[in-house]
Amino acid sequence: MSNLLGAVEIRALAEQLNLKPTKKLGQNFVVDANTCRKIVKLAAVESTDIALEIGPGLGSLTLALLEKAKQVLAVEIDDRLANQLPITAAQHGFDTNKLTVISQDAMQLTKLPANPTVLVANLPYNISVPVLLNMLELFPTLNRGVVMVQSEVAHRLAAKPNNKEYGSPTAKANWWADLELSGSVGRSVFWPVPNVDSSLVSFVRHAPLGDEDQRVATFSVIDKAFAKRRKMMRSAVGELFDDAEGNLIAAGVDPTIRGEALAIAQFFQIGKQLIKHNSTK
């Protein structure tokens, strides 16, 4: 079995690059090879997969992906890390032709050199939700994945309606995929050790509920529904409709229900009603 990175090597690499992990970029590097292999196994990465990794850092997870995937697309914002990654892969006996490093901010990413099939990433807590939503939206070939995020974010992403953690990120992610919690990750597997807990969220893509116009309309309803929690839907979407109550009833939704009780399918019905309403104006 090939040699993955361990704690000693991670620290030595950081020192060599004069890298001081920053909170701003959410740099907490995984120093435990078993954790990396566990994540790759959980994502069911196979030899036919093109894996997309966001924020590979010093390469712990990248090497575990290279063990299994046909190709790895690694998106790294820090140039020093992006330049070092192929060197580290080669030093550990991996075929660097299988690795493509994209030196870019994941939030600005719009295209990739190949169509990714699986997303595996340790996402910084401050951008984890928008990055995940962007990847699901931009790359329809991503059919599944596992992301490691702050536990609080993980519970939000995997929440179901009528749960206090359920909110707009969950509803939006559910447009493309089913998400679930897939375990927690101890703080000790990171360097530096973070002061928050981390968890794994798995997702499996399903067919989108509608077309792009319907998605935009549905997401605008979701934004209104969660802008002020505990608000009845007839008040929450009052600005979107001339007759909010009538349109909600037409969408098959109780006007007195609150947004946090609605699943994505119901938001979609309201979104379709919004398109109909706007076309008659």
Protein backbone atom coordinates (compact mmCIF):
# COMPACT_ATOMS: atom_id res chain seq x y z
CA MET A 1 0.00 0.00 0.00
CA SER A 2 1.32 3.42 -0.89
CA ASN A 3 2.62 5.79 1.68
CA LEU A 4 0.26 8.56 2.79
CA LEU A 5 1.17 11.65 4.75
CA GLY A 6 1.52 11.53 8.54
CA ALA A 7 1.76 14.20 11.24
CA VAL A 8 5.57 14.49 11.13
CA GLU A 9 5.63 14.91 7.34
CA ILE A 10 2.79 17.44 7.38
CA ARG A 11 4.65 19.63 9.87
CA ALA A 12 7.92 19.27 7.94
CA LEU A 13 6.19 20.25 4.69
CA ALA A 14 4.59 23.28 6.34
CA GLU A 15 7.97 24.35 7.69
CA GLN A 16 9.63 23.84 4.30
CA LEU A 17 6.97 26.09 2.70
CA ASN A 18 7.16 28.59 5.58
CA LEU A 19 3.46 27.97 5.99
CA LYS A 20 1.65 29.10 9.10
CA PRO A 21 -1.90 27.73 8.90
CA THR A 22 -4.38 30.60 8.87
CA LYS A 23 -7.85 30.77 10.35
CA LYS A 24 -8.86 33.05 7.48
CA LEU A 25 -8.40 30.22 4.97
CA GLY A 26 -9.66 27.63 7.45
CA GLN A 27 -6.39 25.73 7.25
CA ASN A 28 -6.60 22.73 9.55
CA PHE A 29 -4.71 19.91 7.88
CA VAL A 30 -5.65 16.25 8.36
CA VAL A 31 -2.64 14.41 9.75
CA ASP A 32 -4.17 10.93 10.06
CA ALA A 33 -3.92 8.66 7.00
CA ASN A 34 -6.62 6.29 8.31
CA THR A 35 -9.12 9.15 8.46
CA CYS A 36 -8.31 10.05 4.85
CA ARG A 37 -8.79 6.46 3.68
CA LYS A 38 -12.04 6.23 5.65
CA ILE A 39 -13.42 9.33 3.89
CA VAL A 40 -12.42 8.02 0.45
CA LYS A 41 -14.04 4.66 1.24
CA LEU A 42 -17.19 6.38 2.47
CA ALA A 43 -17.40 8.26 -0.83
CA ALA A 44 -17.10 4.90 -2.63
CA VAL A 45 -14.34 6.25 -4.88
CA GLU A 46 -13.52 3.76 -7.66
CA SER A 47 -10.96 3.44 -10.44
CA THR A 48 -13.41 4.96 -12.95
CA ASP A 49 -14.01 8.12 -10.89
CA ILE A 50 -12.82 11.65 -11.52
CA ALA A 51 -12.59 13.05 -8.01
CA LEU A 52 -12.94 16.75 -7.24
CA GLU A 53 -11.19 17.99 -4.10
CA ILE A 54 -11.61 21.52 -2.79
CA GLY A 55 -8.77 22.89 -0.64
CA PRO A 56 -6.32 19.97 -0.73
CA GLY A 57 -3.86 21.82 1.49
CA LEU A 58 -0.71 19.76 1.97
CA GLY A 59 -2.23 16.73 0.25
CA SER A 60 -3.30 14.23 2.94
CA LEU A 61 -6.67 13.53 1.34
CA THR A 62 -5.31 14.04 -2.20
CA LEU A 63 -2.94 11.08 -1.85
CA ALA A 64 -5.74 8.87 -0.49
CA LEU A 65 -7.84 9.87 -3.53
CA LEU A 66 -4.96 9.14 -5.92
CA GLU A 67 -4.82 5.59 -4.50
CA LYS A 68 -8.35 4.92 -5.79
CA ALA A 69 -9.52 7.42 -8.44
CA LYS A 70 -8.83 7.51 -12.16
CA GLN A 71 -8.08 11.24 -11.89
CA VAL A 72 -8.03 13.90 -9.15
CA LEU A 73 -8.90 17.56 -9.76
CA ALA A 74 -7.62 19.57 -6.81
CA VAL A 75 -8.68 23.21 -6.40
CA GLU A 76 -6.29 25.17 -4.16
CA ILE A 77 -6.34 28.93 -3.50
CA ASP A 78 -2.85 29.09 -1.96
CA ASP A 79 -0.17 29.09 -4.72
CA ARG A 80 2.52 27.62 -2.47
CA LEU A 81 0.31 24.64 -1.69
CA ALA A 82 -0.86 24.28 -5.31
CA ASN A 83 2.75 24.19 -6.56
CA GLN A 84 3.87 21.73 -3.90
CA LEU A 85 1.04 19.21 -4.38
CA PRO A 86 2.36 17.44 -7.53
CA ILE A 87 5.86 17.30 -5.96
CA THR A 88 4.45 15.62 -2.83
CA ALA A 89 2.42 13.18 -4.96
CA ALA A 90 5.51 12.22 -7.00
CA GLN A 91 7.64 11.78 -3.84
CA HIS A 92 5.04 9.32 -2.56
CA GLY A 93 5.10 7.23 -5.71
CA PHE A 94 1.92 8.48 -7.39
CA ASP A 95 1.46 9.09 -11.10
CA THR A 96 1.23 12.87 -11.34
CA ASN A 97 -0.54 12.55 -14.71
CA LYS A 98 -3.56 11.54 -12.64
CA LEU A 99 -3.43 14.83 -10.71
CA THR A 100 -4.59 18.20 -12.03
CA VAL A 101 -4.10 21.14 -9.68
CA ILE A 102 -6.27 24.20 -10.30
CA SER A 103 -4.80 27.21 -8.52
CA GLN A 104 -7.98 29.15 -7.92
CA ASP A 105 -10.50 30.30 -5.33
CA ALA A 106 -13.23 27.62 -5.22
CA MET A 107 -15.82 30.39 -4.86
CA GLN A 108 -14.77 31.75 -8.28
CA LEU A 109 -14.62 28.36 -9.99
CA THR A 110 -16.87 28.03 -13.05
CA LYS A 111 -15.27 25.30 -15.14
CA LEU A 112 -12.99 22.28 -14.82
CA PRO A 113 -10.76 20.45 -17.32
CA ALA A 114 -12.77 17.22 -16.85
CA ASN A 115 -16.22 16.24 -15.60
CA PRO A 116 -15.97 15.25 -11.93
CA THR A 117 -18.06 12.33 -10.68
CA VAL A 118 -17.38 12.50 -6.94
CA LEU A 119 -16.64 15.37 -4.53
CA VAL A 120 -14.39 14.70 -1.54
CA ALA A 121 -13.26 17.68 0.50
CA ASN A 122 -12.29 19.05 3.89
CA LEU A 123 -14.13 22.37 3.61
CA PRO A 124 -13.24 25.48 5.63
CA TYR A 125 -16.20 26.30 7.87
CA ASN A 126 -16.66 29.87 6.60
CA ILE A 127 -17.28 28.86 2.96
CA SER A 128 -18.47 25.25 3.29
CA VAL A 129 -22.15 25.83 2.47
CA PRO A 130 -21.74 28.16 -0.54
CA VAL A 131 -18.96 25.98 -1.99
CA LEU A 132 -21.08 22.83 -1.72
CA LEU A 133 -24.11 24.54 -3.29
CA ASN A 134 -21.92 25.97 -6.09
CA MET A 135 -20.38 22.59 -6.87
CA LEU A 136 -23.81 20.90 -7.02
CA GLU A 137 -25.13 23.63 -9.29
CA LEU A 138 -22.14 23.96 -11.61
CA PHE A 139 -21.12 20.34 -12.08
CA PRO A 140 -24.12 18.09 -12.75
CA THR A 141 -21.82 15.10 -13.31
CA LEU A 142 -21.02 15.08 -9.56
CA ASN A 143 -23.26 12.23 -8.54
CA ARG A 144 -22.14 11.77 -4.94
CA GLY A 145 -19.62 12.92 -2.39
CA VAL A 146 -18.45 13.32 1.18
CA VAL A 147 -17.52 16.64 2.73
CA MET A 148 -15.90 17.21 6.09
CA VAL A 149 -17.29 20.35 7.73
CA GLN A 150 -17.76 21.90 11.14
CA SER A 151 -20.26 19.73 13.05
CA GLU A 152 -22.71 22.58 13.47
CA VAL A 153 -22.77 23.06 9.67
CA ALA A 154 -23.04 19.30 9.10
CA HIS A 155 -26.14 19.07 11.28
CA ARG A 156 -27.67 21.99 9.40
CA LEU A 157 -26.97 20.45 5.99
CA ALA A 158 -28.43 17.07 6.93
CA ALA A 159 -31.44 18.46 8.87
CA LYS A 160 -35.02 17.57 7.99
CA PRO A 161 -38.05 19.91 8.05
CA ASN A 162 -39.50 20.75 11.48
CA ASN A 163 -36.03 20.69 13.01
CA LYS A 164 -34.50 23.86 14.47
CA GLU A 165 -31.32 23.24 12.44
CA TYR A 166 -33.24 23.06 9.16
CA GLY A 167 -32.83 26.19 7.09
CA SER A 168 -32.22 27.66 3.68
CA PRO A 169 -28.88 25.82 2.99
CA THR A 170 -30.55 22.45 3.59
CA ALA A 171 -33.58 23.22 1.45
CA LYS A 172 -31.38 24.49 -1.39
CA ALA A 173 -28.99 21.53 -1.27
CA ASN A 174 -32.02 19.22 -1.40
CA TRP A 175 -32.88 20.64 -4.83
CA TRP A 176 -29.99 18.57 -6.19
CA ALA A 177 -29.19 15.91 -3.62
CA ASP A 178 -30.14 13.87 -0.56
CA LEU A 179 -27.74 14.56 2.32
CA GLU A 180 -27.04 12.65 5.52
CA LEU A 181 -24.64 12.68 8.45
CA SER A 182 -21.96 10.01 8.06
CA GLY A 183 -20.00 10.23 11.28
CA SER A 184 -17.85 12.57 13.31
CA VAL A 185 -14.12 13.28 13.11
CA GLY A 186 -12.00 13.76 16.23
CA ARG A 187 -10.15 17.05 16.68
CA SER A 188 -6.85 15.22 17.15
CA VAL A 189 -6.67 14.20 13.47
CA PHE A 190 -6.08 17.85 12.53
CA TRP A 191 -3.08 20.13 12.75
CA PRO A 192 -3.39 22.66 14.17
CA VAL A 193 -6.06 21.17 16.44
CA PRO A 194 -9.27 23.16 15.82
CA ASN A 195 -11.47 24.45 18.62
CA VAL A 196 -14.59 23.07 16.93
CA ASP A 197 -15.79 19.55 16.18
CA SER A 198 -16.00 18.24 12.62
CA SER A 199 -18.42 15.82 10.97
CA LEU A 200 -18.85 14.10 7.63
CA VAL A 201 -21.82 14.73 5.36
CA SER A 202 -22.54 12.38 2.45
CA PHE A 203 -24.69 13.31 -0.49
CA VAL A 204 -26.19 11.45 -3.42
CA ARG A 205 -27.50 13.44 -6.36
CA HIS A 206 -31.03 12.97 -7.62
CA ALA A 207 -32.64 14.47 -10.72
CA PRO A 208 -33.21 18.21 -10.21
CA LEU A 209 -36.85 19.02 -9.48
CA GLY A 210 -37.18 21.47 -12.36
CA ASP A 211 -35.40 23.72 -14.83
CA GLU A 212 -33.19 26.73 -14.08
CA ASP A 213 -36.04 29.28 -14.07
CA GLN A 214 -37.96 27.10 -11.63
CA ARG A 215 -34.87 26.73 -9.43
CA VAL A 216 -34.33 30.50 -9.28
CA ALA A 217 -38.00 31.07 -8.41
CA THR A 218 -37.95 28.31 -5.79
CA PHE A 219 -34.75 29.65 -4.20
CA SER A 220 -36.26 33.15 -3.97
CA VAL A 221 -39.19 31.61 -2.06
CA ILE A 222 -36.76 29.75 0.22
CA ASP A 223 -34.83 32.97 0.92
CA LYS A 224 -38.03 34.75 1.95
CA ALA A 225 -39.25 31.80 4.01
CA PHE A 226 -36.10 31.76 6.15
CA ALA A 227 -35.36 35.50 6.24
CA LYS A 228 -37.52 35.74 9.35
CA ARG A 229 -37.99 32.43 11.07
CA ARG A 230 -41.25 31.64 12.83
CA LYS A 231 -43.13 33.74 10.28
CA MET A 232 -46.17 32.21 8.59
CA MET A 233 -45.65 31.65 4.88
CA ARG A 234 -48.38 34.10 3.86
CA SER A 235 -46.37 36.86 5.58
CA ALA A 236 -42.96 35.53 4.55
CA VAL A 237 -43.74 35.56 0.81
CA GLY A 238 -46.05 38.58 0.94
CA GLU A 239 -43.62 40.67 -1.12
CA LEU A 240 -43.49 38.05 -3.90
CA PHE A 241 -47.23 37.77 -4.54
CA ASP A 242 -50.17 40.17 -4.89
CA ASP A 243 -52.31 37.56 -3.12
CA ALA A 244 -49.93 35.42 -1.08
CA GLU A 245 -52.66 33.40 0.61
CA GLY A 246 -54.43 32.51 -2.65
CA ASN A 247 -51.18 31.55 -4.38
CA LEU A 248 -50.06 29.37 -1.48
CA ILE A 249 -53.40 27.56 -1.50
CA ALA A 250 -53.04 27.10 -5.29
CA ALA A 251 -49.60 25.57 -4.63
CA GLY A 252 -51.15 23.16 -2.15
CA VAL A 253 -49.48 24.78 0.85
CA ASP A 254 -51.21 25.90 4.06
CA PRO A 255 -50.73 29.72 4.22
CA THR A 256 -50.33 29.59 8.02
CA ILE A 257 -47.49 27.05 7.95
CA ARG A 258 -43.94 28.20 8.70
CA GLY A 259 -41.05 27.83 6.26
CA GLU A 260 -39.12 25.45 8.50
CA ALA A 261 -41.94 22.90 8.15
CA LEU A 262 -41.70 22.74 4.34
CA ALA A 263 -39.66 20.25 2.32
CA ILE A 264 -38.05 21.19 -1.00
CA ALA A 265 -40.96 19.64 -2.97
CA GLN A 266 -43.37 22.10 -1.36
CA PHE A 267 -41.06 25.06 -1.94
CA PHE A 268 -40.93 23.93 -5.57
CA GLN A 269 -44.71 24.06 -5.86
CA ILE A 270 -44.68 27.63 -4.54
CA GLY A 271 -41.83 28.48 -6.95
CA LYS A 272 -43.91 27.21 -9.89
CA GLN A 273 -46.83 29.29 -8.64
CA LEU A 274 -44.54 32.34 -8.49
CA ILE A 275 -43.56 31.89 -12.15
CA LYS A 276 -47.23 31.60 -13.08
CA HIS A 277 -48.06 34.69 -10.99
CA ASN A 278 -45.26 36.77 -12.57
CA SER A 279 -46.22 35.74 -16.12
CA THR A 280 -49.74 37.15 -15.66
CA LYS A 281 -48.57 40.53 -14.37
